[in-house]
Amino acid sequence: MTTAQPTPVQQQRRQITIDALVAASRQGVIEYGMGVSMDQIAELAQVGRRTAFRYFATREDLISAGLATVTRDLLLAMPEYTGGDWRTWLADVVRLRHQTTVRGGRIYWEMTVQQLPERVARAVAEHRGVLRGIYTMVSTTIWHAAGGEGDPPQRLYRTVAAHMSPLFTQAVVLDADGTPELAAEMATDAIIAAVRT
């Protein structure tokens, strides 16, 4: 006996449910932290708990899928440098990064300090790897646009990484009563100064 193939409508409904669950996992992590339950995610997705488990075997699989979309969206949002004033491009990139971090709430802190299940820890490690790639890309781009040759100095990379870090955003917003825009301005100034030294 063969299993009937799903119809296009069934496939579309399945994808809509999966997309809703993944979006709900992202929202759930923002609202409830890394300890968000499958029940909370299912409620946010407006589906039953059993439906959630039908599509994702574990809570960790669903949270990992949500983190993967965060990583994808981060890469897609990064503006490409096409020439011109590199300082303006840098300011745009840094502002986007800090605004995105604030929307993520406490998630970055929790990803740093909590013991995470293995599957989620792998997704977090992949996300951090993408962030490091972005820091490298930004460092290299501005170094060459400013007339530097070869690889950018390690000090420049470290300045970019520290000032584009989600933890920098949170320090400015929470500890200094600032805004993401202030974090971006401070970061841009520090990075530009590092290019000149």
Protein backbone atom coordinates (compact mmCIF):
# COMPACT_ATOMS: atom_id res chain seq x y z
CA MET A 1 0.00 0.00 0.00
CA THR A 2 1.41 3.38 -0.97
CA THR A 3 0.94 6.60 0.91
CA ALA A 4 -0.93 9.28 -0.99
CA GLN A 5 1.18 12.29 -1.83
CA PRO A 6 -0.03 15.53 -0.26
CA THR A 7 -1.92 17.84 -2.55
CA PRO A 8 -0.53 21.31 -3.30
CA VAL A 9 -3.11 22.78 -0.91
CA GLN A 10 -2.02 20.38 1.86
CA GLN A 11 1.63 21.24 1.22
CA GLN A 12 0.79 24.95 1.40
CA ARG A 13 -1.10 24.52 4.69
CA ARG A 14 1.79 22.51 6.10
CA GLN A 15 4.27 25.26 5.18
CA ILE A 16 2.00 27.95 6.65
CA THR A 17 1.87 26.01 9.93
CA ILE A 18 5.65 25.50 9.97
CA ASP A 19 6.26 29.19 9.24
CA ALA A 20 3.83 30.19 12.02
CA LEU A 21 5.59 27.88 14.49
CA VAL A 22 9.04 29.19 13.59
CA ALA A 23 7.88 32.81 13.87
CA ALA A 24 6.22 31.97 17.19
CA SER A 25 9.43 30.39 18.47
CA ARG A 26 11.30 33.61 17.71
CA GLN A 27 8.62 35.67 19.43
CA GLY A 28 8.43 33.24 22.33
CA VAL A 29 12.15 33.41 22.97
CA ILE A 30 11.95 37.22 22.94
CA GLU A 31 8.96 37.28 25.31
CA TYR A 32 9.79 34.37 27.63
CA GLY A 33 13.52 33.79 27.15
CA MET A 34 15.36 30.60 26.21
CA GLY A 35 13.17 28.63 28.61
CA VAL A 36 10.06 29.21 26.49
CA SER A 37 7.87 26.11 26.51
CA MET A 38 6.36 24.30 23.57
CA ASP A 39 2.92 25.20 24.97
CA GLN A 40 3.80 28.91 24.88
CA ILE A 41 5.12 28.64 21.34
CA ALA A 42 2.04 26.73 20.19
CA GLU A 43 -0.21 29.35 21.76
CA LEU A 44 1.66 32.16 19.99
CA ALA A 45 1.34 30.24 16.70
CA GLN A 46 -2.35 29.64 17.42
CA VAL A 47 -2.02 25.90 17.03
CA GLY A 48 -2.31 23.02 19.44
CA ARG A 49 0.67 21.53 21.26
CA ARG A 50 0.25 18.25 19.37
CA THR A 51 0.38 20.13 16.08
CA ALA A 52 3.64 21.76 17.14
CA PHE A 53 5.15 18.37 17.95
CA ARG A 54 3.87 16.95 14.65
CA TYR A 55 6.16 19.36 12.80
CA PHE A 56 9.05 19.61 15.29
CA ALA A 57 10.09 16.59 17.34
CA THR A 58 11.48 18.68 20.18
CA ARG A 59 11.29 22.18 21.58
CA GLU A 60 15.00 22.49 20.87
CA ASP A 61 14.46 21.70 17.18
CA LEU A 62 11.85 24.44 16.97
CA ILE A 63 13.96 27.01 18.82
CA SER A 64 16.93 26.11 16.60
CA ALA A 65 14.78 26.65 13.50
CA GLY A 66 13.80 30.06 14.83
CA LEU A 67 17.43 30.99 15.50
CA ALA A 68 18.34 29.90 11.98
CA THR A 69 15.80 32.35 10.57
CA VAL A 70 17.23 35.13 12.75
CA THR A 71 20.66 34.40 11.29
CA ARG A 72 19.28 34.31 7.74
CA ASP A 73 17.40 37.58 8.21
CA LEU A 74 20.50 39.25 9.65
CA LEU A 75 22.53 38.33 6.57
CA LEU A 76 19.79 39.41 4.17
CA ALA A 77 19.43 42.78 5.90
CA MET A 78 23.12 43.72 5.70
CA PRO A 79 23.57 46.48 3.13
CA GLU A 80 26.30 45.88 0.57
CA TYR A 81 29.07 48.44 0.18
CA THR A 82 28.95 49.69 -3.40
CA GLY A 83 31.50 52.45 -3.17
CA GLY A 84 31.20 56.03 -2.05
CA ASP A 85 31.54 57.27 1.50
CA TRP A 86 32.41 54.26 3.64
CA ARG A 87 31.57 56.19 6.81
CA THR A 88 27.93 56.53 5.73
CA TRP A 89 27.77 52.82 4.86
CA LEU A 90 29.37 51.94 8.21
CA ALA A 91 26.87 54.11 10.10
CA ASP A 92 23.99 52.38 8.29
CA VAL A 93 25.34 48.90 9.04
CA VAL A 94 25.99 49.68 12.70
CA ARG A 95 22.59 51.36 13.17
CA LEU A 96 20.83 48.35 11.64
CA ARG A 97 22.76 45.99 13.90
CA HIS A 98 21.91 47.88 17.09
CA GLN A 99 18.23 48.32 16.16
CA THR A 100 17.98 44.60 15.42
CA THR A 101 19.57 43.75 18.75
CA VAL A 102 17.06 45.84 20.70
CA ARG A 103 14.19 44.04 18.97
CA GLY A 104 15.73 40.77 20.14
CA GLY A 105 15.46 41.81 23.77
CA ARG A 106 17.22 39.67 26.35
CA ILE A 107 17.89 36.78 24.00
CA TYR A 108 21.53 37.69 23.34
CA TRP A 109 22.33 37.87 27.03
CA GLU A 110 20.64 34.52 27.67
CA MET A 111 22.49 32.93 24.76
CA THR A 112 25.73 34.06 26.39
CA VAL A 113 25.18 33.07 30.00
CA GLN A 114 22.87 30.04 29.99
CA GLN A 115 23.74 26.38 29.63
CA LEU A 116 21.84 25.52 26.46
CA PRO A 117 20.69 22.14 25.14
CA GLU A 118 23.12 20.77 22.56
CA ARG A 119 20.92 21.41 19.50
CA VAL A 120 20.22 25.00 20.55
CA ALA A 121 23.88 25.55 21.47
CA ARG A 122 24.85 24.51 17.91
CA ALA A 123 22.37 27.01 16.45
CA VAL A 124 23.75 29.74 18.73
CA ALA A 125 27.32 28.83 17.69
CA GLU A 126 26.30 29.09 14.02
CA HIS A 127 24.74 32.49 14.71
CA ARG A 128 27.91 33.70 16.44
CA GLY A 129 29.95 32.43 13.50
CA VAL A 130 27.80 34.52 11.16
CA LEU A 131 28.28 37.55 13.41
CA ARG A 132 32.05 37.05 13.30
CA GLY A 133 31.82 36.83 9.52
CA ILE A 134 29.94 40.12 9.46
CA TYR A 135 32.57 41.73 11.70
CA THR A 136 35.29 40.49 9.35
CA MET A 137 33.41 41.76 6.30
CA VAL A 138 32.85 45.19 7.88
CA SER A 139 36.49 45.46 9.03
CA THR A 140 37.86 44.45 5.65
CA THR A 141 35.45 46.67 3.71
CA ILE A 142 36.16 49.84 5.64
CA TRP A 143 39.89 49.14 5.79
CA HIS A 144 40.13 48.85 2.02
CA ALA A 145 37.67 51.72 1.39
CA ALA A 146 39.83 53.94 3.62
CA GLY A 147 42.92 53.05 1.56
CA GLY A 148 44.35 50.28 3.71
CA GLU A 149 46.12 47.36 2.06
CA GLY A 150 46.07 43.70 2.94
CA ASP A 151 44.17 42.41 5.92
CA PRO A 152 42.78 44.94 8.37
CA PRO A 153 44.67 45.27 11.66
CA GLN A 154 43.48 43.01 14.47
CA ARG A 155 42.72 46.11 16.54
CA LEU A 156 40.23 47.27 13.91
CA TYR A 157 38.52 43.87 13.83
CA ARG A 158 38.28 43.81 17.63
CA THR A 159 36.88 47.34 17.70
CA VAL A 160 34.24 46.42 15.12
CA ALA A 161 33.36 43.19 16.96
CA ALA A 162 33.11 44.87 20.37
CA HIS A 163 31.09 47.84 19.14
CA MET A 164 28.70 45.83 16.94
CA SER A 165 28.20 43.22 19.64
CA PRO A 166 24.68 42.76 20.97
CA LEU A 167 26.14 43.10 24.45
CA PHE A 168 27.41 46.60 23.57
CA THR A 169 23.87 47.54 22.54
CA GLN A 170 22.47 46.25 25.80
CA ALA A 171 25.12 48.04 27.86
CA VAL A 172 24.29 51.37 26.22
CA VAL A 173 20.53 50.88 26.42
CA LEU A 174 20.30 49.34 29.88
CA ASP A 175 23.32 50.60 31.80
CA ALA A 176 23.69 54.04 30.22
CA ASP A 177 19.95 54.71 29.71
CA GLY A 178 20.67 55.25 26.04
CA THR A 179 19.01 54.24 22.80
CA PRO A 180 20.01 51.97 19.92
CA GLU A 181 20.75 55.13 17.96
CA LEU A 182 23.16 56.30 20.67
CA ALA A 183 24.82 52.87 20.66
CA ALA A 184 25.19 53.11 16.88
CA GLU A 185 26.64 56.62 17.07
CA MET A 186 29.15 55.65 19.76
CA ALA A 187 30.09 52.49 17.88
CA THR A 188 30.53 54.29 14.55
CA ASP A 189 32.75 56.94 16.14
CA ALA A 190 34.93 54.29 17.82
CA ILE A 191 35.27 52.23 14.64
CA ILE A 192 36.17 55.27 12.53
CA ALA A 193 38.81 56.23 15.10
CA ALA A 194 40.23 52.68 14.92
CA VAL A 195 40.55 52.93 11.12
CA ARG A 196 42.66 56.07 11.52
CA THR A 197 45.08 54.59 14.09
